[in-house]
């Protein structure tokens, strides 16, 4: 599994709290932070407001990609790839 490294700054109080909780839970601070992030990501992913924003973002990404493909076509005359598998606005 590929991993990314992320450096974060914590205020002293939060750092002390996560350190104590990690110690009490028998895990490293890194693992405690990783678990907290996973839990927070799961909460956000289940939020219908976030899901609606994701759908809007998906549509914007598709529009941006179409514009960039058209720009490449105009510049270099290369054919655009077929528009298959592109997410639609409704499911």
PDB file of N, CA and C in Angstrom:
ATOM      1  N   UNK A   1       0.844  -1.183   0.000  1.00  0.00           N
ATOM      2  CA  UNK A   1       0.000   0.000   0.000  1.00  0.00           C
ATOM      3  C   UNK A   1       0.882   1.237   0.000  1.00  0.00           C
ATOM      4  N   UNK A   2       0.587   2.139  -0.879  1.00  0.00           N
ATOM      5  CA  UNK A   2       1.311   3.399  -0.961  1.00  0.00           C
ATOM      6  C   UNK A   2       0.843   4.329   0.149  1.00  0.00           C
ATOM      7  N   UNK A   3       1.762   5.104   0.676  1.00  0.00           N
ATOM      8  CA  UNK A   3       1.409   6.050   1.732  1.00  0.00           C
ATOM      9  C   UNK A   3       1.999   7.410   1.417  1.00  0.00           C
ATOM     10  N   UNK A   4       1.337   8.434   1.905  1.00  0.00           N
ATOM     11  CA  UNK A   4       1.807   9.811   1.804  1.00  0.00           C
ATOM     12  C   UNK A   4       2.180  10.286   3.196  1.00  0.00           C
ATOM     13  N   UNK A   5       3.150  11.165   3.263  1.00  0.00           N
ATOM     14  CA  UNK A   5       3.547  11.765   4.528  1.00  0.00           C
ATOM     15  C   UNK A   5       2.902  13.129   4.633  1.00  0.00           C
ATOM     16  N   UNK A   6       2.351  13.422   5.802  1.00  0.00           N
ATOM     17  CA  UNK A   6       1.679  14.683   6.040  1.00  0.00           C
ATOM     18  C   UNK A   6       2.200  15.272   7.345  1.00  0.00           C
ATOM     19  N   UNK A   7       2.700  16.471   7.289  1.00  0.00           N
ATOM     20  CA  UNK A   7       3.145  17.167   8.491  1.00  0.00           C
ATOM     21  C   UNK A   7       2.038  18.112   8.924  1.00  0.00           C
ATOM     22  N   UNK A   8       1.665  18.045  10.191  1.00  0.00           N
ATOM     23  CA  UNK A   8       0.624  18.932  10.703  1.00  0.00           C
ATOM     24  C   UNK A   8       1.134  19.633  11.956  1.00  0.00           C
ATOM     25  N   UNK A   9       0.577  20.795  12.199  1.00  0.00           N
ATOM     26  CA  UNK A   9       0.901  21.539  13.414  1.00  0.00           C
ATOM     27  C   UNK A   9      -0.298  21.427  14.353  1.00  0.00           C
ATOM     28  N   UNK A  10      -0.022  21.069  15.604  1.00  0.00           N
ATOM     29  CA  UNK A  10      -1.058  20.973  16.620  1.00  0.00           C
ATOM     30  C   UNK A  10      -0.743  21.951  17.730  1.00  0.00           C
ATOM     31  N   UNK A  11      -1.785  22.581  18.265  1.00  0.00           N
ATOM     32  CA  UNK A  11      -1.514  23.420  19.429  1.00  0.00           C
ATOM     33  C   UNK A  11      -1.152  22.516  20.603  1.00  0.00           C
ATOM     34  N   UNK A  12      -0.524  23.094  21.616  1.00  0.00           N
ATOM     35  CA  UNK A  12      -0.007  22.313  22.739  1.00  0.00           C
ATOM     36  C   UNK A  12      -1.090  21.490  23.423  1.00  0.00           C
ATOM     37  N   UNK A  13      -2.264  22.077  23.614  1.00  0.00           N
ATOM     38  CA  UNK A  13      -3.338  21.376  24.302  1.00  0.00           C
ATOM     39  C   UNK A  13      -3.803  20.145  23.524  1.00  0.00           C
ATOM     40  N   UNK A  14      -4.037  20.309  22.229  1.00  0.00           N
ATOM     41  CA  UNK A  14      -4.482  19.175  21.423  1.00  0.00           C
ATOM     42  C   UNK A  14      -3.410  18.094  21.373  1.00  0.00           C
ATOM     43  N   UNK A  15      -2.164  18.498  21.248  1.00  0.00           N
ATOM     44  CA  UNK A  15      -1.077  17.530  21.227  1.00  0.00           C
ATOM     45  C   UNK A  15      -1.021  16.745  22.531  1.00  0.00           C
ATOM     46  N   UNK A  16      -1.150  17.442  23.658  1.00  0.00           N
ATOM     47  CA  UNK A  16      -1.124  16.766  24.962  1.00  0.00           C
ATOM     48  C   UNK A  16      -2.283  15.786  25.082  1.00  0.00           C
ATOM     49  N   UNK A  17      -3.476  16.203  24.629  1.00  0.00           N
ATOM     50  CA  UNK A  17      -4.654  15.333  24.724  1.00  0.00           C
ATOM     51  C   UNK A  17      -4.507  14.096  23.861  1.00  0.00           C
ATOM     52  N   UNK A  18      -4.063  14.264  22.630  1.00  0.00           N
ATOM     53  CA  UNK A  18      -3.924  13.098  21.746  1.00  0.00           C
ATOM     54  C   UNK A  18      -2.812  12.184  22.239  1.00  0.00           C
ATOM     55  N   UNK A  19      -1.763  12.754  22.813  1.00  0.00           N
ATOM     56  CA  UNK A  19      -0.671  11.940  23.353  1.00  0.00           C
ATOM     57  C   UNK A  19      -1.166  11.076  24.511  1.00  0.00           C
ATOM     58  N   UNK A  20      -1.930  11.669  25.424  1.00  0.00           N
ATOM     59  CA  UNK A  20      -2.460  10.917  26.563  1.00  0.00           C
ATOM     60  C   UNK A  20      -3.447   9.852  26.090  1.00  0.00           C
ATOM     61  N   UNK A  21      -4.345  10.227  25.185  1.00  0.00           N
ATOM     62  CA  UNK A  21      -5.316   9.252  24.689  1.00  0.00           C
ATOM     63  C   UNK A  21      -4.637   8.104  23.951  1.00  0.00           C
ATOM     64  N   UNK A  22      -3.609   8.414  23.176  1.00  0.00           N
ATOM     65  CA  UNK A  22      -2.870   7.363  22.480  1.00  0.00           C
ATOM     66  C   UNK A  22      -2.218   6.428  23.491  1.00  0.00           C
ATOM     67  N   UNK A  23      -1.583   7.000  24.493  1.00  0.00           N
ATOM     68  CA  UNK A  23      -0.928   6.183  25.514  1.00  0.00           C
ATOM     69  C   UNK A  23      -1.950   5.301  26.229  1.00  0.00           C
ATOM     70  N   UNK A  24      -3.078   5.884  26.630  1.00  0.00           N
ATOM     71  CA  UNK A  24      -4.110   5.109  27.318  1.00  0.00           C
ATOM     72  C   UNK A  24      -4.693   4.018  26.422  1.00  0.00           C
ATOM     73  N   UNK A  25      -4.748   4.287  25.129  1.00  0.00           N
ATOM     74  CA  UNK A  25      -5.269   3.313  24.172  1.00  0.00           C
ATOM     75  C   UNK A  25      -4.231   2.315  23.688  1.00  0.00           C
ATOM     76  N   UNK A  26      -2.998   2.465  24.166  1.00  0.00           N
ATOM     77  CA  UNK A  26      -1.942   1.523  23.778  1.00  0.00           C
ATOM     78  C   UNK A  26      -1.528   1.650  22.324  1.00  0.00           C
ATOM     79  N   UNK A  27      -1.544   2.866  21.806  1.00  0.00           N
ATOM     80  CA  UNK A  27      -1.138   3.054  20.418  1.00  0.00           C
ATOM     81  C   UNK A  27      -0.239   4.279  20.310  1.00  0.00           C
ATOM     82  N   UNK A  28       0.377   4.403  19.157  1.00  0.00           N
ATOM     83  CA  UNK A  28       1.241   5.559  18.921  1.00  0.00           C
ATOM     84  C   UNK A  28       0.381   6.791  18.632  1.00  0.00           C
ATOM     85  N   UNK A  29       0.981   7.951  18.785  1.00  0.00           N
ATOM     86  CA  UNK A  29       0.286   9.192  18.447  1.00  0.00           C
ATOM     87  C   UNK A  29      -0.091   9.175  16.969  1.00  0.00           C
ATOM     88  N   UNK A  30       0.801   8.702  16.126  1.00  0.00           N
ATOM     89  CA  UNK A  30       0.520   8.628  14.693  1.00  0.00           C
ATOM     90  C   UNK A  30      -0.709   7.772  14.421  1.00  0.00           C
ATOM     91  N   UNK A  31      -0.787   6.597  15.070  1.00  0.00           N
ATOM     92  CA  UNK A  31      -1.948   5.730  14.861  1.00  0.00           C
ATOM     93  C   UNK A  31      -3.224   6.365  15.400  1.00  0.00           C
ATOM     94  N   UNK A  32      -3.139   7.062  16.526  1.00  0.00           N
ATOM     95  CA  UNK A  32      -4.313   7.735  17.085  1.00  0.00           C
ATOM     96  C   UNK A  32      -4.813   8.829  16.141  1.00  0.00           C
ATOM     97  N   UNK A  33      -3.891   9.590  15.578  1.00  0.00           N
ATOM     98  CA  UNK A  33      -4.275  10.643  14.624  1.00  0.00           C
ATOM     99  C   UNK A  33      -4.860  10.015  13.367  1.00  0.00           C
ATOM    100  N   UNK A  34      -4.247   8.940  12.876  1.00  0.00           N
ATOM    101  CA  UNK A  34      -4.751   8.251  11.680  1.00  0.00           C
ATOM    102  C   UNK A  34      -6.175   7.741  11.917  1.00  0.00           C
ATOM    103  N   UNK A  35      -6.415   7.135  13.094  1.00  0.00           N
ATOM    104  CA  UNK A  35      -7.754   6.633  13.417  1.00  0.00           C
ATOM    105  C   UNK A  35      -8.771   7.775  13.489  1.00  0.00           C
ATOM    106  N   UNK A  36      -8.372   8.894  14.100  1.00  0.00           N
ATOM    107  CA  UNK A  36      -9.271  10.042  14.202  1.00  0.00           C
ATOM    108  C   UNK A  36      -9.608  10.600  12.824  1.00  0.00           C
ATOM    109  N   UNK A  37      -8.618  10.671  11.953  1.00  0.00           N
ATOM    110  CA  UNK A  37      -8.863  11.165  10.594  1.00  0.00           C
ATOM    111  C   UNK A  37      -9.794  10.233   9.830  1.00  0.00           C
ATOM    112  N   UNK A  38      -9.571   8.923   9.963  1.00  0.00           N
ATOM    113  CA  UNK A  38     -10.467   7.963   9.290  1.00  0.00           C
ATOM    114  C   UNK A  38     -11.905   8.153   9.761  1.00  0.00           C
ATOM    115  N   UNK A  39     -12.080   8.283  11.070  1.00  0.00           N
ATOM    116  CA  UNK A  39     -13.435   8.458  11.617  1.00  0.00           C
ATOM    117  C   UNK A  39     -14.061   9.750  11.091  1.00  0.00           C
ATOM    118  N   UNK A  40     -13.286  10.817  11.038  1.00  0.00           N
ATOM    119  CA  UNK A  40     -13.812  12.095  10.557  1.00  0.00           C
ATOM    120  C   UNK A  40     -14.152  12.019   9.068  1.00  0.00           C
ATOM    121  N   UNK A  41     -13.316  11.373   8.296  1.00  0.00           N
ATOM    122  CA  UNK A  41     -13.588  11.210   6.865  1.00  0.00           C
ATOM    123  C   UNK A  41     -14.869  10.401   6.661  1.00  0.00           C
ATOM    124  N   UNK A  42     -15.066   9.357   7.465  1.00  0.00           N
ATOM    125  CA  UNK A  42     -16.295   8.562   7.355  1.00  0.00           C
ATOM    126  C   UNK A  42     -17.531   9.406   7.661  1.00  0.00           C
ATOM    127  N   UNK A  43     -17.450  10.266   8.677  1.00  0.00           N
ATOM    128  CA  UNK A  43     -18.574  11.149   9.026  1.00  0.00           C
ATOM    129  C   UNK A  43     -18.865  12.108   7.872  1.00  0.00           C
ATOM    130  N   UNK A  44     -17.826  12.717   7.325  1.00  0.00           N
ATOM    131  CA  UNK A  44     -18.025  13.649   6.211  1.00  0.00           C
ATOM    132  C   UNK A  44     -18.593  12.944   4.986  1.00  0.00           C
ATOM    133  N   UNK A  45     -18.099  11.749   4.687  1.00  0.00           N
ATOM    134  CA  UNK A  45     -18.552  11.019   3.503  1.00  0.00           C
ATOM    135  C   UNK A  45     -20.023  10.623   3.624  1.00  0.00           C
ATOM    136  N   UNK A  46     -20.526  10.462   4.845  1.00  0.00           N
ATOM    137  CA  UNK A  46     -21.928  10.091   5.050  1.00  0.00           C
ATOM    138  C   UNK A  46     -22.861  11.303   5.086  1.00  0.00           C
ATOM    139  N   UNK A  47     -22.317  12.494   5.036  1.00  0.00           N
ATOM    140  CA  UNK A  47     -23.112  13.724   5.121  1.00  0.00           C
ATOM    141  C   UNK A  47     -23.739  14.024   3.761  1.00  0.00           C
ATOM    142  N   UNK A  48     -25.067  14.090   3.660  1.00  0.00           N
ATOM    143  CA  UNK A  48     -25.719  14.356   2.371  1.00  0.00           C
ATOM    144  C   UNK A  48     -25.311  15.690   1.746  1.00  0.00           C
ATOM    145  N   UNK A  49     -25.003  16.674   2.575  1.00  0.00           N
ATOM    146  CA  UNK A  49     -24.561  17.970   2.047  1.00  0.00           C
ATOM    147  C   UNK A  49     -23.233  17.815   1.318  1.00  0.00           C
ATOM    148  N   UNK A  50     -22.346  17.042   1.889  1.00  0.00           N
ATOM    149  CA  UNK A  50     -21.045  16.795   1.264  1.00  0.00           C
ATOM    150  C   UNK A  50     -21.237  15.995  -0.026  1.00  0.00           C
ATOM    151  N   UNK A  51     -22.152  15.019  -0.010  1.00  0.00           N
ATOM    152  CA  UNK A  51     -22.425  14.224  -1.211  1.00  0.00           C
ATOM    153  C   UNK A  51     -22.934  15.109  -2.348  1.00  0.00           C
ATOM    154  N   UNK A  52     -23.787  16.064  -2.023  1.00  0.00           N
ATOM    155  CA  UNK A  52     -24.297  16.986  -3.051  1.00  0.00           C
ATOM    156  C   UNK A  52     -23.175  17.846  -3.605  1.00  0.00           C
ATOM    157  N   UNK A  53     -22.295  18.300  -2.724  1.00  0.00           N
ATOM    158  CA  UNK A  53     -21.150  19.088  -3.188  1.00  0.00           C
ATOM    159  C   UNK A  53     -20.232  18.244  -4.058  1.00  0.00           C
ATOM    160  N   UNK A  54     -20.095  16.967  -3.730  1.00  0.00           N
ATOM    161  CA  UNK A  54     -19.255  16.072  -4.531  1.00  0.00           C
ATOM    162  C   UNK A  54     -19.825  15.907  -5.936  1.00  0.00           C
ATOM    163  N   UNK A  55     -21.145  15.787  -6.036  1.00  0.00           N
ATOM    164  CA  UNK A  55     -21.777  15.662  -7.352  1.00  0.00           C
ATOM    165  C   UNK A  55     -21.531  16.910  -8.187  1.00  0.00           C
ATOM    166  N   UNK A  56     -21.653  18.076  -7.556  1.00  0.00           N
ATOM    167  CA  UNK A  56     -21.407  19.326  -8.274  1.00  0.00           C
ATOM    168  C   UNK A  56     -19.944  19.428  -8.694  1.00  0.00           C
ATOM    169  N   UNK A  57     -19.045  19.005  -7.823  1.00  0.00           N
ATOM    170  CA  UNK A  57     -17.619  19.032  -8.151  1.00  0.00           C
ATOM    171  C   UNK A  57     -17.305  18.080  -9.300  1.00  0.00           C
ATOM    172  N   UNK A  58     -17.922  16.898  -9.284  1.00  0.00           N
ATOM    173  CA  UNK A  58     -17.720  15.921 -10.366  1.00  0.00           C
ATOM    174  C   UNK A  58     -18.121  16.532 -11.709  1.00  0.00           C
ATOM    175  N   UNK A  59     -19.249  17.235 -11.729  1.00  0.00           N
ATOM    176  CA  UNK A  59     -19.713  17.876 -12.968  1.00  0.00           C
ATOM    177  C   UNK A  59     -18.748  18.975 -13.409  1.00  0.00           C
ATOM    178  N   UNK A  60     -18.243  19.750 -12.459  1.00  0.00           N
ATOM    179  CA  UNK A  60     -17.294  20.814 -12.794  1.00  0.00           C
ATOM    180  C   UNK A  60     -16.007  20.221 -13.349  1.00  0.00           C
ATOM    181  N   UNK A  61     -15.538  19.140 -12.744  1.00  0.00           N
ATOM    182  CA  UNK A  61     -14.320  18.485 -13.235  1.00  0.00           C
ATOM    183  C   UNK A  61     -14.526  18.005 -14.674  1.00  0.00           C
ATOM    184  N   UNK A  62     -15.692  17.434 -14.952  1.00  0.00           N
ATOM    185  CA  UNK A  62     -15.993  16.968 -16.313  1.00  0.00           C
ATOM    186  C   UNK A  62     -16.012  18.138 -17.299  1.00  0.00           C
ATOM    187  N   UNK A  63     -16.628  19.259 -16.894  1.00  0.00           N
ATOM    188  CA  UNK A  63     -16.651  20.434 -17.780  1.00  0.00           C
ATOM    189  C   UNK A  63     -15.230  20.957 -18.025  1.00  0.00           C
ATOM    190  N   UNK A  64     -14.437  21.024 -16.953  1.00  0.00           N
ATOM    191  CA  UNK A  64     -13.056  21.494 -17.091  1.00  0.00           C
ATOM    192  C   UNK A  64     -12.254  20.586 -18.022  1.00  0.00           C
ATOM    193  N   UNK A  65     -12.438  19.282 -17.866  1.00  0.00           N
ATOM    194  CA  UNK A  65     -11.725  18.330 -18.721  1.00  0.00           C
ATOM    195  C   UNK A  65     -12.129  18.509 -20.181  1.00  0.00           C
ATOM    196  N   UNK A  66     -13.423  18.705 -20.423  1.00  0.00           N
ATOM    197  CA  UNK A  66     -13.898  18.924 -21.796  1.00  0.00           C
ATOM    198  C   UNK A  66     -13.279  20.187 -22.396  1.00  0.00           C
ATOM    199  N   UNK A  67     -13.203  21.252 -21.597  1.00  0.00           N
ATOM    200  CA  UNK A  67     -12.596  22.492 -22.079  1.00  0.00           C
ATOM    201  C   UNK A  67     -11.117  22.296 -22.392  1.00  0.00           C
ATOM    202  N   UNK A  68     -10.415  21.568 -21.551  1.00  0.00           N
ATOM    203  CA  UNK A  68      -8.987  21.330 -21.780  1.00  0.00           C
ATOM    204  C   UNK A  68      -8.771  20.456 -23.018  1.00  0.00           C
ATOM    205  N   UNK A  69      -9.631  19.451 -23.198  1.00  0.00           N
ATOM    206  CA  UNK A  69      -9.536  18.608 -24.393  1.00  0.00           C
ATOM    207  C   UNK A  69      -9.770  19.449 -25.651  1.00  0.00           C
ATOM    208  N   UNK A  70     -10.746  20.343 -25.592  1.00  0.00           N
ATOM    209  CA  UNK A  70     -11.037  21.209 -26.745  1.00  0.00           C
ATOM    210  C   UNK A  70      -9.852  22.130 -27.025  1.00  0.00           C
ATOM    211  N   UNK A  71      -9.198  22.621 -25.971  1.00  0.00           N
ATOM    212  CA  UNK A  71      -8.033  23.490 -26.162  1.00  0.00           C
ATOM    213  C   UNK A  71      -6.892  22.721 -26.821  1.00  0.00           C
ATOM    214  N   UNK A  72      -6.665  21.488 -26.395  1.00  0.00           N
ATOM    215  CA  UNK A  72      -5.621  20.661 -27.018  1.00  0.00           C
ATOM    216  C   UNK A  72      -5.971  20.400 -28.476  1.00  0.00           C
ATOM    217  N   UNK A  73      -7.244  20.099 -28.724  1.00  0.00           N
ATOM    218  CA  UNK A  73      -7.699  19.871 -30.101  1.00  0.00           C
ATOM    219  C   UNK A  73      -7.434  21.105 -30.963  1.00  0.00           C
ATOM    220  N   UNK A  74      -7.754  22.282 -30.431  1.00  0.00           N
ATOM    221  CA  UNK A  74      -7.568  23.515 -31.188  1.00  0.00           C
ATOM    222  C   UNK A  74      -6.090  23.800 -31.432  1.00  0.00           C
ATOM    223  N   UNK A  75      -5.259  23.499 -30.465  1.00  0.00           N
ATOM    224  CA  UNK A  75      -3.832  23.774 -30.597  1.00  0.00           C
ATOM    225  C   UNK A  75      -3.113  22.787 -31.502  1.00  0.00           C
ATOM    226  N   UNK A  76      -3.422  21.509 -31.329  1.00  0.00           N
ATOM    227  CA  UNK A  76      -2.614  20.475 -31.977  1.00  0.00           C
ATOM    228  C   UNK A  76      -3.388  19.591 -32.943  1.00  0.00           C
ATOM    229  N   UNK A  77      -4.689  19.771 -33.010  1.00  0.00           N
ATOM    230  CA  UNK A  77      -5.485  18.985 -33.940  1.00  0.00           C
ATOM    231  C   UNK A  77      -5.573  17.518 -33.596  1.00  0.00           C
ATOM    232  N   UNK A  78      -5.273  17.175 -32.348  1.00  0.00           N
ATOM    233  CA  UNK A  78      -5.375  15.774 -31.948  1.00  0.00           C
ATOM    234  C   UNK A  78      -6.829  15.450 -31.651  1.00  0.00           C
ATOM    235  N   UNK A  79      -7.249  14.262 -32.000  1.00  0.00           N
ATOM    236  CA  UNK A  79      -8.649  13.914 -31.751  1.00  0.00           C
ATOM    237  C   UNK A  79      -8.918  13.772 -30.253  1.00  0.00           C
ATOM    238  N   UNK A  80     -10.134  14.134 -29.869  1.00  0.00           N
ATOM    239  CA  UNK A  80     -10.538  13.971 -28.484  1.00  0.00           C
ATOM    240  C   UNK A  80     -10.870  12.504 -28.232  1.00  0.00           C
ATOM    241  N   UNK A  81     -10.538  12.006 -27.035  1.00  0.00           N
ATOM    242  CA  UNK A  81     -10.922  10.630 -26.724  1.00  0.00           C
ATOM    243  C   UNK A  81     -12.438  10.549 -26.594  1.00  0.00           C
ATOM    244  N   UNK A  82     -12.989   9.349 -26.814  1.00  0.00           N
ATOM    245  CA  UNK A  82     -14.443   9.215 -26.695  1.00  0.00           C
ATOM    246  C   UNK A  82     -14.901   9.532 -25.275  1.00  0.00           C
ATOM    247  N   UNK A  83     -16.099  10.083 -25.165  1.00  0.00           N
ATOM    248  CA  UNK A  83     -16.654  10.471 -23.867  1.00  0.00           C
ATOM    249  C   UNK A  83     -17.463   9.311 -23.302  1.00  0.00           C
ATOM    250  N   UNK A  84     -16.793   8.227 -22.962  1.00  0.00           N
ATOM    251  CA  UNK A  84     -17.474   7.080 -22.372  1.00  0.00           C
ATOM    252  C   UNK A  84     -17.112   6.992 -20.905  1.00  0.00           C
ATOM    253  N   UNK A  85     -18.026   6.459 -20.136  1.00  0.00           N
ATOM    254  CA  UNK A  85     -17.771   6.278 -18.714  1.00  0.00           C
ATOM    255  C   UNK A  85     -17.796   7.543 -17.902  1.00  0.00           C
ATOM    256  N   UNK A  86     -18.158   8.644 -18.514  1.00  0.00           N
ATOM    257  CA  UNK A  86     -18.213   9.915 -17.801  1.00  0.00           C
ATOM    258  C   UNK A  86     -19.458   9.912 -16.932  1.00  0.00           C
ATOM    259  N   UNK A  87     -19.331  10.331 -15.654  1.00  0.00           N
ATOM    260  CA  UNK A  87     -20.512  10.335 -14.796  1.00  0.00           C
ATOM    261  C   UNK A  87     -21.585  11.285 -15.292  1.00  0.00           C
ATOM    262  N   UNK A  88     -22.808  10.866 -15.187  1.00  0.00           N
ATOM    263  CA  UNK A  88     -23.913  11.733 -15.588  1.00  0.00           C
ATOM    264  C   UNK A  88     -24.404  12.506 -14.390  1.00  0.00           C
ATOM    265  N   UNK A  89     -25.257  13.456 -14.623  1.00  0.00           N
ATOM    266  CA  UNK A  89     -25.767  14.299 -13.548  1.00  0.00           C
ATOM    267  C   UNK A  89     -26.762  13.595 -12.641  1.00  0.00           C
ATOM    268  N   UNK A  90     -27.297  12.433 -13.061  1.00  0.00           N
ATOM    269  CA  UNK A  90     -28.280  11.756 -12.208  1.00  0.00           C
ATOM    270  C   UNK A  90     -27.936  10.291 -12.093  1.00  0.00           C
ATOM    271  N   UNK A  91     -28.362   9.745 -10.995  1.00  0.00           N
ATOM    272  CA  UNK A  91     -28.175   8.312 -10.751  1.00  0.00           C
ATOM    273  C   UNK A  91     -29.435   7.707 -10.226  1.00  0.00           C
TER     274      UNK A  91
END
